[in-house]
All heavy atoms as atom14 arrays in JSON, in Angstrom:
{
  "sequence": "SGGRTAYADSVKGRFTISRDNALNTAYLLMNSLNSEDTAVYYCAGVPT",
  "atom14_mask": [
    [1, 1, 1, 1, 1, 1, 0, 0, 0, 0, 0, 0, 0, 0],
    [1, 1, 1, 1, 0, 0, 0, 0, 0, 0, 0, 0, 0, 0],
    [1, 1, 1, 1, 0, 0, 0, 0, 0, 0, 0, 0, 0, 0],
    [1, 1, 1, 1, 1, 1, 1, 1, 1, 1, 1, 0, 0, 0],
    [1, 1, 1, 1, 1, 1, 1, 0, 0, 0, 0, 0, 0, 0],
    [1, 1, 1, 1, 1, 0, 0, 0, 0, 0, 0, 0, 0, 0],
    [1, 1, 1, 1, 1, 1, 1, 1, 1, 1, 1, 1, 0, 0],
    [1, 1, 1, 1, 1, 0, 0, 0, 0, 0, 0, 0, 0, 0],
    [1, 1, 1, 1, 1, 1, 1, 1, 0, 0, 0, 0, 0, 0],
    [1, 1, 1, 1, 1, 1, 0, 0, 0, 0, 0, 0, 0, 0],
    [1, 1, 1, 1, 1, 1, 1, 0, 0, 0, 0, 0, 0, 0],
    [1, 1, 1, 1, 1, 1, 1, 1, 1, 0, 0, 0, 0, 0],
    [1, 1, 1, 1, 0, 0, 0, 0, 0, 0, 0, 0, 0, 0],
    [1, 1, 1, 1, 1, 1, 1, 1, 1, 1, 1, 0, 0, 0],
    [1, 1, 1, 1, 1, 1, 1, 1, 1, 1, 1, 0, 0, 0],
    [1, 1, 1, 1, 1, 1, 1, 0, 0, 0, 0, 0, 0, 0],
    [1, 1, 1, 1, 1, 1, 1, 1, 0, 0, 0, 0, 0, 0],
    [1, 1, 1, 1, 1, 1, 0, 0, 0, 0, 0, 0, 0, 0],
    [1, 1, 1, 1, 1, 1, 1, 1, 1, 1, 1, 0, 0, 0],
    [1, 1, 1, 1, 1, 1, 1, 1, 0, 0, 0, 0, 0, 0],
    [1, 1, 1, 1, 1, 1, 1, 1, 0, 0, 0, 0, 0, 0],
    [1, 1, 1, 1, 1, 0, 0, 0, 0, 0, 0, 0, 0, 0],
    [1, 1, 1, 1, 1, 1, 1, 1, 0, 0, 0, 0, 0, 0],
    [1, 1, 1, 1, 1, 1, 1, 1, 0, 0, 0, 0, 0, 0],
    [1, 1, 1, 1, 1, 1, 1, 0, 0, 0, 0, 0, 0, 0],
    [1, 1, 1, 1, 1, 0, 0, 0, 0, 0, 0, 0, 0, 0],
    [1, 1, 1, 1, 1, 1, 1, 1, 1, 1, 1, 1, 0, 0],
    [1, 1, 1, 1, 1, 1, 1, 1, 0, 0, 0, 0, 0, 0],
    [1, 1, 1, 1, 1, 1, 1, 1, 0, 0, 0, 0, 0, 0],
    [1, 1, 1, 1, 1, 1, 1, 1, 0, 0, 0, 0, 0, 0],
    [1, 1, 1, 1, 1, 1, 1, 1, 0, 0, 0, 0, 0, 0],
    [1, 1, 1, 1, 1, 1, 0, 0, 0, 0, 0, 0, 0, 0],
    [1, 1, 1, 1, 1, 1, 1, 1, 0, 0, 0, 0, 0, 0],
    [1, 1, 1, 1, 1, 1, 1, 1, 0, 0, 0, 0, 0, 0],
    [1, 1, 1, 1, 1, 1, 0, 0, 0, 0, 0, 0, 0, 0],
    [1, 1, 1, 1, 1, 1, 1, 1, 1, 0, 0, 0, 0, 0],
    [1, 1, 1, 1, 1, 1, 1, 1, 0, 0, 0, 0, 0, 0],
    [1, 1, 1, 1, 1, 1, 1, 0, 0, 0, 0, 0, 0, 0],
    [1, 1, 1, 1, 1, 0, 0, 0, 0, 0, 0, 0, 0, 0],
    [1, 1, 1, 1, 1, 1, 1, 0, 0, 0, 0, 0, 0, 0],
    [1, 1, 1, 1, 1, 1, 1, 1, 1, 1, 1, 1, 0, 0],
    [1, 1, 1, 1, 1, 1, 1, 1, 1, 1, 1, 1, 0, 0],
    [1, 1, 1, 1, 1, 1, 0, 0, 0, 0, 0, 0, 0, 0],
    [1, 1, 1, 1, 1, 0, 0, 0, 0, 0, 0, 0, 0, 0],
    [1, 1, 1, 1, 0, 0, 0, 0, 0, 0, 0, 0, 0, 0],
    [1, 1, 1, 1, 1, 1, 1, 0, 0, 0, 0, 0, 0, 0],
    [1, 1, 1, 1, 1, 1, 1, 0, 0, 0, 0, 0, 0, 0],
    [1, 1, 1, 1, 1, 1, 1, 0, 0, 0, 0, 0, 0, 0]
  ],
  "atom14_positions": [
    [[72.96, -48.35, 83.77], [72.64, -49.82, 83.67], [73.63, -50.49, 82.69], [73.73, -51.78, 82.72], [71.25, -50.05, 83.26], [71.04, -49.69, 82.02], [0.0, 0.0, 0.0], [0.0, 0.0, 0.0], [0.0, 0.0, 0.0], [0.0, 0.0, 0.0], [0.0, 0.0, 0.0], [0.0, 0.0, 0.0], [0.0, 0.0, 0.0], [0.0, 0.0, 0.0]],
    [[74.11, -49.71, 81.8], [75.0, -50.33, 80.68], [74.13, -50.85, 79.48], [74.65, -51.29, 78.53], [0.0, 0.0, 0.0], [0.0, 0.0, 0.0], [0.0, 0.0, 0.0], [0.0, 0.0, 0.0], [0.0, 0.0, 0.0], [0.0, 0.0, 0.0], [0.0, 0.0, 0.0], [0.0, 0.0, 0.0], [0.0, 0.0, 0.0], [0.0, 0.0, 0.0]],
    [[72.91, -50.71, 79.71], [71.95, -51.34, 78.68], [71.77, -50.46, 77.37], [71.32, -50.98, 76.38], [0.0, 0.0, 0.0], [0.0, 0.0, 0.0], [0.0, 0.0, 0.0], [0.0, 0.0, 0.0], [0.0, 0.0, 0.0], [0.0, 0.0, 0.0], [0.0, 0.0, 0.0], [0.0, 0.0, 0.0], [0.0, 0.0, 0.0], [0.0, 0.0, 0.0]],
    [[72.14, -49.22, 77.53], [71.89, -48.36, 76.34], [73.09, -47.53, 76.09], [73.82, -47.01, 77.02], [70.8, -47.33, 76.67], [69.36, -47.94, 76.71], [68.26, -46.91, 76.78], [68.17, -46.21, 75.54], [67.5, -45.13, 75.36], [67.05, -44.44, 76.38], [67.39, -44.53, 74.13], [0.0, 0.0, 0.0], [0.0, 0.0, 0.0], [0.0, 0.0, 0.0]],
    [[73.51, -47.4, 74.8], [74.67, -46.71, 74.41], [74.42, -45.82, 73.21], [73.36, -46.04, 72.53], [75.85, -47.69, 74.06], [75.48, -48.54, 72.92], [76.29, -48.5, 75.21], [0.0, 0.0, 0.0], [0.0, 0.0, 0.0], [0.0, 0.0, 0.0], [0.0, 0.0, 0.0], [0.0, 0.0, 0.0], [0.0, 0.0, 0.0], [0.0, 0.0, 0.0]],
    [[75.26, -44.85, 73.01], [75.16, -43.95, 71.84], [76.52, -43.55, 71.4], [77.44, -43.52, 72.21], [74.33, -42.73, 72.2], [0.0, 0.0, 0.0], [0.0, 0.0, 0.0], [0.0, 0.0, 0.0], [0.0, 0.0, 0.0], [0.0, 0.0, 0.0], [0.0, 0.0, 0.0], [0.0, 0.0, 0.0], [0.0, 0.0, 0.0], [0.0, 0.0, 0.0]],
    [[76.57, -43.35, 70.06], [77.87, -42.99, 69.51], [77.82, -41.85, 68.5], [76.82, -41.75, 67.76], [78.58, -44.18, 68.72], [78.83, -45.37, 69.68], [77.79, -46.44, 69.79], [80.07, -45.55, 70.32], [78.01, -47.45, 70.73], [80.26, -46.56, 71.11], [79.24, -47.52, 71.34], [79.63, -48.61, 72.23], [0.0, 0.0, 0.0], [0.0, 0.0, 0.0]],
    [[78.91, -41.08, 68.33], [78.99, -40.08, 67.25], [79.17, -40.92, 65.99], [79.69, -41.99, 65.91], [80.21, -39.18, 67.44], [0.0, 0.0, 0.0], [0.0, 0.0, 0.0], [0.0, 0.0, 0.0], [0.0, 0.0, 0.0], [0.0, 0.0, 0.0], [0.0, 0.0, 0.0], [0.0, 0.0, 0.0], [0.0, 0.0, 0.0], [0.0, 0.0, 0.0]],
    [[78.58, -40.29, 64.88], [78.7, -41.07, 63.59], [80.08, -41.29, 63.23], [80.44, -42.28, 62.52], [77.9, -40.2, 62.52], [76.51, -40.18, 62.66], [75.86, -41.17, 63.38], [75.79, -39.25, 62.08], [0.0, 0.0, 0.0], [0.0, 0.0, 0.0], [0.0, 0.0, 0.0], [0.0, 0.0, 0.0], [0.0, 0.0, 0.0], [0.0, 0.0, 0.0]],
    [[81.0, -40.45, 63.56], [82.29, -40.55, 63.14], [83.1, -41.73, 63.74], [84.15, -42.22, 63.3], [83.08, -39.24, 63.45], [83.12, -38.91, 64.89], [0.0, 0.0, 0.0], [0.0, 0.0, 0.0], [0.0, 0.0, 0.0], [0.0, 0.0, 0.0], [0.0, 0.0, 0.0], [0.0, 0.0, 0.0], [0.0, 0.0, 0.0], [0.0, 0.0, 0.0]],
    [[82.55, -42.25, 64.88], [83.21, -43.43, 65.49], [82.4, -44.74, 65.59], [82.81, -45.73, 66.03], [83.64, -43.0, 67.01], [84.4, -41.75, 67.04], [82.4, -42.92, 67.87], [0.0, 0.0, 0.0], [0.0, 0.0, 0.0], [0.0, 0.0, 0.0], [0.0, 0.0, 0.0], [0.0, 0.0, 0.0], [0.0, 0.0, 0.0], [0.0, 0.0, 0.0]],
    [[81.17, -44.58, 65.07], [80.24, -45.69, 65.04], [80.85, -46.91, 64.3], [81.43, -46.69, 63.15], [78.95, -45.31, 64.47], [77.74, -46.23, 64.91], [76.46, -45.59, 64.47], [76.16, -44.27, 65.17], [74.81, -43.71, 64.83], [0.0, 0.0, 0.0], [0.0, 0.0, 0.0], [0.0, 0.0, 0.0], [0.0, 0.0, 0.0], [0.0, 0.0, 0.0]],
    [[80.85, -48.12, 64.94], [81.39, -49.28, 64.29], [82.93, -49.47, 64.58], [83.51, -50.56, 64.34], [0.0, 0.0, 0.0], [0.0, 0.0, 0.0], [0.0, 0.0, 0.0], [0.0, 0.0, 0.0], [0.0, 0.0, 0.0], [0.0, 0.0, 0.0], [0.0, 0.0, 0.0], [0.0, 0.0, 0.0], [0.0, 0.0, 0.0], [0.0, 0.0, 0.0]],
    [[83.48, -48.42, 65.16], [84.9, -48.55, 65.43], [85.21, -48.41, 66.87], [86.11, -49.07, 67.44], [85.71, -47.41, 64.74], [85.69, -47.41, 63.31], [86.65, -46.35, 62.7], [86.29, -45.03, 63.07], [87.19, -44.27, 63.7], [88.4, -44.65, 64.02], [86.83, -42.9, 64.04], [0.0, 0.0, 0.0], [0.0, 0.0, 0.0], [0.0, 0.0, 0.0]],
    [[84.41, -47.66, 67.7], [84.52, -47.48, 69.13], [83.44, -48.24, 69.85], [82.34, -48.37, 69.43], [84.53, -46.03, 69.44], [85.65, -45.13, 69.04], [86.65, -45.62, 68.11], [85.82, -43.87, 69.52], [87.7, -44.85, 67.66], [86.94, -43.08, 69.02], [87.86, -43.56, 68.19], [0.0, 0.0, 0.0], [0.0, 0.0, 0.0], [0.0, 0.0, 0.0]],
    [[83.8, -48.63, 71.03], [82.84, -49.29, 71.96], [82.93, -48.75, 73.36], [84.11, -48.81, 73.94], [83.03, -50.88, 71.98], [82.97, -51.39, 70.64], [81.96, -51.52, 72.76], [0.0, 0.0, 0.0], [0.0, 0.0, 0.0], [0.0, 0.0, 0.0], [0.0, 0.0, 0.0], [0.0, 0.0, 0.0], [0.0, 0.0, 0.0], [0.0, 0.0, 0.0]],
    [[81.88, -48.24, 73.91], [81.89, -47.83, 75.29], [81.32, -48.95, 76.16], [80.36, -49.64, 75.73], [81.06, -46.54, 75.37], [81.25, -45.92, 76.81], [79.6, -46.77, 75.08], [80.59, -44.56, 76.99], [0.0, 0.0, 0.0], [0.0, 0.0, 0.0], [0.0, 0.0, 0.0], [0.0, 0.0, 0.0], [0.0, 0.0, 0.0], [0.0, 0.0, 0.0]],
    [[81.82, -49.09, 77.31], [81.33, -50.12, 78.27], [81.64, -49.63, 79.66], [82.28, -48.55, 79.9], [82.11, -51.44, 78.02], [83.4, -51.32, 78.16], [0.0, 0.0, 0.0], [0.0, 0.0, 0.0], [0.0, 0.0, 0.0], [0.0, 0.0, 0.0], [0.0, 0.0, 0.0], [0.0, 0.0, 0.0], [0.0, 0.0, 0.0], [0.0, 0.0, 0.0]],
    [[81.15, -50.38, 80.61], [81.37, -50.03, 81.95], [81.38, -51.27, 82.92], [80.76, -52.29, 82.59], [80.38, -48.99, 82.54], [78.97, -49.59, 82.51], [78.0, -48.41, 82.85], [78.22, -47.79, 84.1], [77.77, -46.53, 84.38], [77.16, -45.79, 83.53], [78.14, -46.12, 85.69], [0.0, 0.0, 0.0], [0.0, 0.0, 0.0], [0.0, 0.0, 0.0]],
    [[82.1, -51.21, 84.0], [82.09, -52.17, 85.05], [81.75, -51.5, 86.4], [82.66, -50.89, 87.02], [83.38, -52.96, 85.09], [83.34, -54.21, 85.91], [82.55, -54.14, 86.97], [84.18, -55.09, 85.76], [0.0, 0.0, 0.0], [0.0, 0.0, 0.0], [0.0, 0.0, 0.0], [0.0, 0.0, 0.0], [0.0, 0.0, 0.0], [0.0, 0.0, 0.0]],
    [[80.49, -51.6, 86.79], [80.05, -50.88, 87.96], [80.81, -51.45, 89.24], [80.94, -50.76, 90.18], [78.64, -50.92, 88.13], [77.94, -49.96, 87.14], [78.57, -49.06, 86.5], [76.63, -50.24, 86.83], [0.0, 0.0, 0.0], [0.0, 0.0, 0.0], [0.0, 0.0, 0.0], [0.0, 0.0, 0.0], [0.0, 0.0, 0.0], [0.0, 0.0, 0.0]],
    [[81.12, -52.73, 89.13], [81.78, -53.33, 90.37], [83.17, -52.68, 90.49], [83.68, -52.67, 91.62], [81.91, -54.81, 90.21], [0.0, 0.0, 0.0], [0.0, 0.0, 0.0], [0.0, 0.0, 0.0], [0.0, 0.0, 0.0], [0.0, 0.0, 0.0], [0.0, 0.0, 0.0], [0.0, 0.0, 0.0], [0.0, 0.0, 0.0], [0.0, 0.0, 0.0]],
    [[83.79, -52.24, 89.38], [85.1, -51.68, 89.5], [85.13, -50.2, 89.38], [86.2, -49.53, 89.33], [86.0, -52.25, 88.38], [86.24, -53.77, 88.32], [87.15, -54.14, 87.09], [86.98, -54.15, 89.53], [0.0, 0.0, 0.0], [0.0, 0.0, 0.0], [0.0, 0.0, 0.0], [0.0, 0.0, 0.0], [0.0, 0.0, 0.0], [0.0, 0.0, 0.0]],
    [[83.96, -49.66, 89.39], [83.79, -48.12, 89.26], [84.6, -47.62, 88.07], [85.29, -46.57, 88.13], [84.32, -47.54, 90.52], [83.32, -47.43, 91.61], [82.23, -48.11, 91.51], [83.55, -46.78, 92.75], [0.0, 0.0, 0.0], [0.0, 0.0, 0.0], [0.0, 0.0, 0.0], [0.0, 0.0, 0.0], [0.0, 0.0, 0.0], [0.0, 0.0, 0.0]],
    [[84.51, -48.16, 86.93], [85.31, -47.88, 85.72], [84.51, -47.86, 84.55], [83.69, -48.85, 84.31], [86.52, -48.81, 85.68], [87.3, -48.74, 86.85], [87.37, -48.27, 84.42], [0.0, 0.0, 0.0], [0.0, 0.0, 0.0], [0.0, 0.0, 0.0], [0.0, 0.0, 0.0], [0.0, 0.0, 0.0], [0.0, 0.0, 0.0], [0.0, 0.0, 0.0]],
    [[84.68, -46.92, 83.68], [84.1, -46.86, 82.34], [85.27, -47.01, 81.28], [86.37, -46.66, 81.61], [83.34, -45.57, 82.05], [0.0, 0.0, 0.0], [0.0, 0.0, 0.0], [0.0, 0.0, 0.0], [0.0, 0.0, 0.0], [0.0, 0.0, 0.0], [0.0, 0.0, 0.0], [0.0, 0.0, 0.0], [0.0, 0.0, 0.0], [0.0, 0.0, 0.0]],
    [[84.99, -47.48, 80.1], [85.97, -47.83, 79.13], [85.5, -47.29, 77.82], [84.36, -47.12, 77.51], [86.24, -49.39, 79.06], [86.54, -49.99, 80.33], [85.62, -50.64, 81.07], [87.94, -50.03, 80.72], [85.95, -51.33, 82.24], [88.29, -50.67, 81.96], [87.25, -51.33, 82.69], [87.57, -51.96, 83.88], [0.0, 0.0, 0.0], [0.0, 0.0, 0.0]],
    [[86.58, -47.05, 77.01], [86.32, -46.77, 75.55], [87.34, -47.5, 74.75], [88.47, -47.15, 74.78], [86.37, -45.19, 75.27], [86.11, -44.8, 73.93], [84.64, -44.97, 73.6], [86.52, -43.35, 73.58], [0.0, 0.0, 0.0], [0.0, 0.0, 0.0], [0.0, 0.0, 0.0], [0.0, 0.0, 0.0], [0.0, 0.0, 0.0], [0.0, 0.0, 0.0]],
    [[86.89, -48.52, 74.13], [87.76, -49.33, 73.15], [87.69, -48.65, 71.8], [86.63, -48.52, 71.25], [87.27, -50.73, 73.14], [87.98, -51.68, 72.21], [89.48, -51.79, 72.55], [87.3, -53.04, 72.1], [0.0, 0.0, 0.0], [0.0, 0.0, 0.0], [0.0, 0.0, 0.0], [0.0, 0.0, 0.0], [0.0, 0.0, 0.0], [0.0, 0.0, 0.0]],
    [[88.84, -48.33, 71.26], [89.02, -47.61, 69.99], [89.8, -48.46, 69.0], [90.96, -48.76, 69.33], [89.65, -46.28, 70.19], [88.93, -45.45, 71.31], [89.75, -43.76, 71.45], [91.39, -44.21, 72.07], [0.0, 0.0, 0.0], [0.0, 0.0, 0.0], [0.0, 0.0, 0.0], [0.0, 0.0, 0.0], [0.0, 0.0, 0.0], [0.0, 0.0, 0.0]],
    [[89.04, -48.91, 67.97], [89.77, -49.67, 66.97], [89.82, -48.86, 65.64], [89.13, -47.89, 65.46], [88.97, -50.96, 66.67], [88.94, -51.92, 67.86], [89.94, -51.98, 68.57], [87.81, -52.51, 68.11], [0.0, 0.0, 0.0], [0.0, 0.0, 0.0], [0.0, 0.0, 0.0], [0.0, 0.0, 0.0], [0.0, 0.0, 0.0], [0.0, 0.0, 0.0]],
    [[90.55, -49.36, 64.72], [90.77, -48.76, 63.39], [91.0, -47.2, 63.5], [90.41, -46.4, 62.89], [89.48, -49.0, 62.56], [89.37, -50.4, 62.46], [0.0, 0.0, 0.0], [0.0, 0.0, 0.0], [0.0, 0.0, 0.0], [0.0, 0.0, 0.0], [0.0, 0.0, 0.0], [0.0, 0.0, 0.0], [0.0, 0.0, 0.0], [0.0, 0.0, 0.0]],
    [[91.91, -46.83, 64.39], [92.16, -45.38, 64.64], [92.75, -44.71, 63.43], [93.53, -45.37, 62.6], [93.07, -45.22, 65.8], [92.43, -45.5, 67.2], [93.42, -45.81, 68.22], [91.53, -44.41, 67.58], [0.0, 0.0, 0.0], [0.0, 0.0, 0.0], [0.0, 0.0, 0.0], [0.0, 0.0, 0.0], [0.0, 0.0, 0.0], [0.0, 0.0, 0.0]],
    [[92.4, -43.48, 63.15], [92.98, -42.7, 62.08], [93.45, -41.32, 62.65], [93.17, -41.06, 63.78], [91.97, -42.6, 60.96], [90.72, -42.05, 61.33], [90.61, -40.89, 61.77], [89.54, -42.65, 61.13], [0.0, 0.0, 0.0], [0.0, 0.0, 0.0], [0.0, 0.0, 0.0], [0.0, 0.0, 0.0], [0.0, 0.0, 0.0], [0.0, 0.0, 0.0]],
    [[93.99, -40.59, 61.84], [94.65, -39.35, 62.29], [93.5, -38.31, 62.82], [93.82, -37.57, 63.71], [95.32, -38.65, 61.09], [94.52, -38.4, 60.04], [0.0, 0.0, 0.0], [0.0, 0.0, 0.0], [0.0, 0.0, 0.0], [0.0, 0.0, 0.0], [0.0, 0.0, 0.0], [0.0, 0.0, 0.0], [0.0, 0.0, 0.0], [0.0, 0.0, 0.0]],
    [[92.32, -38.53, 62.33], [91.25, -37.61, 62.74], [90.69, -37.97, 64.2], [89.97, -37.2, 64.77], [90.06, -37.64, 61.85], [90.41, -37.11, 60.43], [89.2, -37.04, 59.57], [88.13, -37.55, 59.95], [89.3, -36.39, 58.47], [0.0, 0.0, 0.0], [0.0, 0.0, 0.0], [0.0, 0.0, 0.0], [0.0, 0.0, 0.0], [0.0, 0.0, 0.0]],
    [[91.3, -39.04, 64.76], [90.88, -39.43, 66.22], [91.8, -38.78, 67.06], [91.74, -38.92, 68.32], [90.92, -40.98, 66.31], [89.81, -41.63, 65.44], [88.67, -41.13, 65.43], [90.19, -42.62, 64.82], [0.0, 0.0, 0.0], [0.0, 0.0, 0.0], [0.0, 0.0, 0.0], [0.0, 0.0, 0.0], [0.0, 0.0, 0.0], [0.0, 0.0, 0.0]],
    [[92.92, -38.12, 66.61], [93.85, -37.43, 67.47], [93.21, -36.42, 68.25], [92.69, -35.5, 67.67], [95.07, -36.95, 66.73], [95.84, -37.97, 66.08], [96.05, -36.14, 67.53], [0.0, 0.0, 0.0], [0.0, 0.0, 0.0], [0.0, 0.0, 0.0], [0.0, 0.0, 0.0], [0.0, 0.0, 0.0], [0.0, 0.0, 0.0], [0.0, 0.0, 0.0]],
    [[93.28, -36.4, 69.59], [92.64, -35.56, 70.41], [92.92, -35.83, 71.9], [93.47, -36.81, 72.24], [91.12, -35.47, 70.25], [0.0, 0.0, 0.0], [0.0, 0.0, 0.0], [0.0, 0.0, 0.0], [0.0, 0.0, 0.0], [0.0, 0.0, 0.0], [0.0, 0.0, 0.0], [0.0, 0.0, 0.0], [0.0, 0.0, 0.0], [0.0, 0.0, 0.0]],
    [[92.56, -34.88, 72.79], [92.44, -35.07, 74.18], [91.09, -35.74, 74.48], [90.02, -35.09, 74.15], [92.67, -33.93, 75.03], [92.5, -34.24, 76.53], [94.14, -33.27, 74.73], [0.0, 0.0, 0.0], [0.0, 0.0, 0.0], [0.0, 0.0, 0.0], [0.0, 0.0, 0.0], [0.0, 0.0, 0.0], [0.0, 0.0, 0.0], [0.0, 0.0, 0.0]],
    [[91.05, -36.81, 75.09], [89.69, -37.5, 75.46], [89.41, -37.4, 76.82], [90.26, -37.6, 77.74], [89.86, -39.08, 74.98], [89.81, -39.3, 73.63], [90.84, -39.0, 72.72], [88.7, -39.86, 72.98], [90.8, -39.21, 71.37], [88.61, -40.15, 71.66], [89.63, -39.78, 70.8], [89.6, -40.03, 69.53], [0.0, 0.0, 0.0], [0.0, 0.0, 0.0]],
    [[88.13, -36.98, 77.09], [87.67, -36.79, 78.38], [86.5, -37.7, 78.71], [85.62, -37.89, 77.89], [87.13, -35.33, 78.61], [88.17, -34.2, 78.29], [88.41, -33.78, 76.96], [88.9, -33.69, 79.34], [89.25, -32.79, 76.71], [89.83, -32.7, 79.07], [90.03, -32.19, 77.86], [90.94, -31.29, 77.53], [0.0, 0.0, 0.0], [0.0, 0.0, 0.0]],
    [[86.47, -38.23, 79.96], [85.35, -38.88, 80.35], [84.47, -37.89, 81.29], [85.09, -36.99, 81.9], [85.59, -40.18, 81.09], [86.38, -40.02, 82.73], [0.0, 0.0, 0.0], [0.0, 0.0, 0.0], [0.0, 0.0, 0.0], [0.0, 0.0, 0.0], [0.0, 0.0, 0.0], [0.0, 0.0, 0.0], [0.0, 0.0, 0.0], [0.0, 0.0, 0.0]],
    [[83.23, -38.17, 81.33], [82.36, -37.33, 82.03], [81.23, -38.21, 82.67], [80.84, -39.23, 82.1], [81.66, -36.25, 81.17], [0.0, 0.0, 0.0], [0.0, 0.0, 0.0], [0.0, 0.0, 0.0], [0.0, 0.0, 0.0], [0.0, 0.0, 0.0], [0.0, 0.0, 0.0], [0.0, 0.0, 0.0], [0.0, 0.0, 0.0], [0.0, 0.0, 0.0]],
    [[80.62, -37.68, 83.8], [79.58, -38.49, 84.41], [78.48, -37.53, 85.01], [78.81, -36.33, 85.34], [0.0, 0.0, 0.0], [0.0, 0.0, 0.0], [0.0, 0.0, 0.0], [0.0, 0.0, 0.0], [0.0, 0.0, 0.0], [0.0, 0.0, 0.0], [0.0, 0.0, 0.0], [0.0, 0.0, 0.0], [0.0, 0.0, 0.0], [0.0, 0.0, 0.0]],
    [[77.28, -38.03, 85.16], [76.22, -37.44, 85.76], [75.28, -38.38, 86.36], [74.97, -39.36, 85.89], [75.46, -36.52, 84.78], [74.86, -37.32, 83.66], [74.46, -35.63, 85.41], [0.0, 0.0, 0.0], [0.0, 0.0, 0.0], [0.0, 0.0, 0.0], [0.0, 0.0, 0.0], [0.0, 0.0, 0.0], [0.0, 0.0, 0.0], [0.0, 0.0, 0.0]],
    [[74.78, -38.06, 87.62], [73.94, -39.01, 88.38], [72.54, -38.92, 87.54], [72.15, -37.82, 87.23], [73.79, -38.42, 89.81], [74.23, -36.96, 89.65], [75.2, -36.91, 88.56], [0.0, 0.0, 0.0], [0.0, 0.0, 0.0], [0.0, 0.0, 0.0], [0.0, 0.0, 0.0], [0.0, 0.0, 0.0], [0.0, 0.0, 0.0], [0.0, 0.0, 0.0]],
    [[71.97, -40.01, 87.47], [70.59, -40.01, 86.81], [69.71, -41.13, 87.51], [70.2, -42.09, 87.9], [70.8, -40.37, 85.3], [69.45, -40.45, 84.71], [71.47, -41.67, 85.09], [0.0, 0.0, 0.0], [0.0, 0.0, 0.0], [0.0, 0.0, 0.0], [0.0, 0.0, 0.0], [0.0, 0.0, 0.0], [0.0, 0.0, 0.0], [0.0, 0.0, 0.0]]
  ]
}
C-alpha cells in the first residue's frame, strides 16, 4: 500500500523508500552518502 515503511538504523534519516504501483516501480532515494554505503544494492519483492 506504501503506507508503512521500515529502515535500517544505519540509513534512517538519509534514505527514503517509495513506490509507484501505476508504474510497477519501487525507489530508494539515498542522500548524504558515505563510504560505508558502498555496496551492491538489491531490490526484492514478495506477494502479501
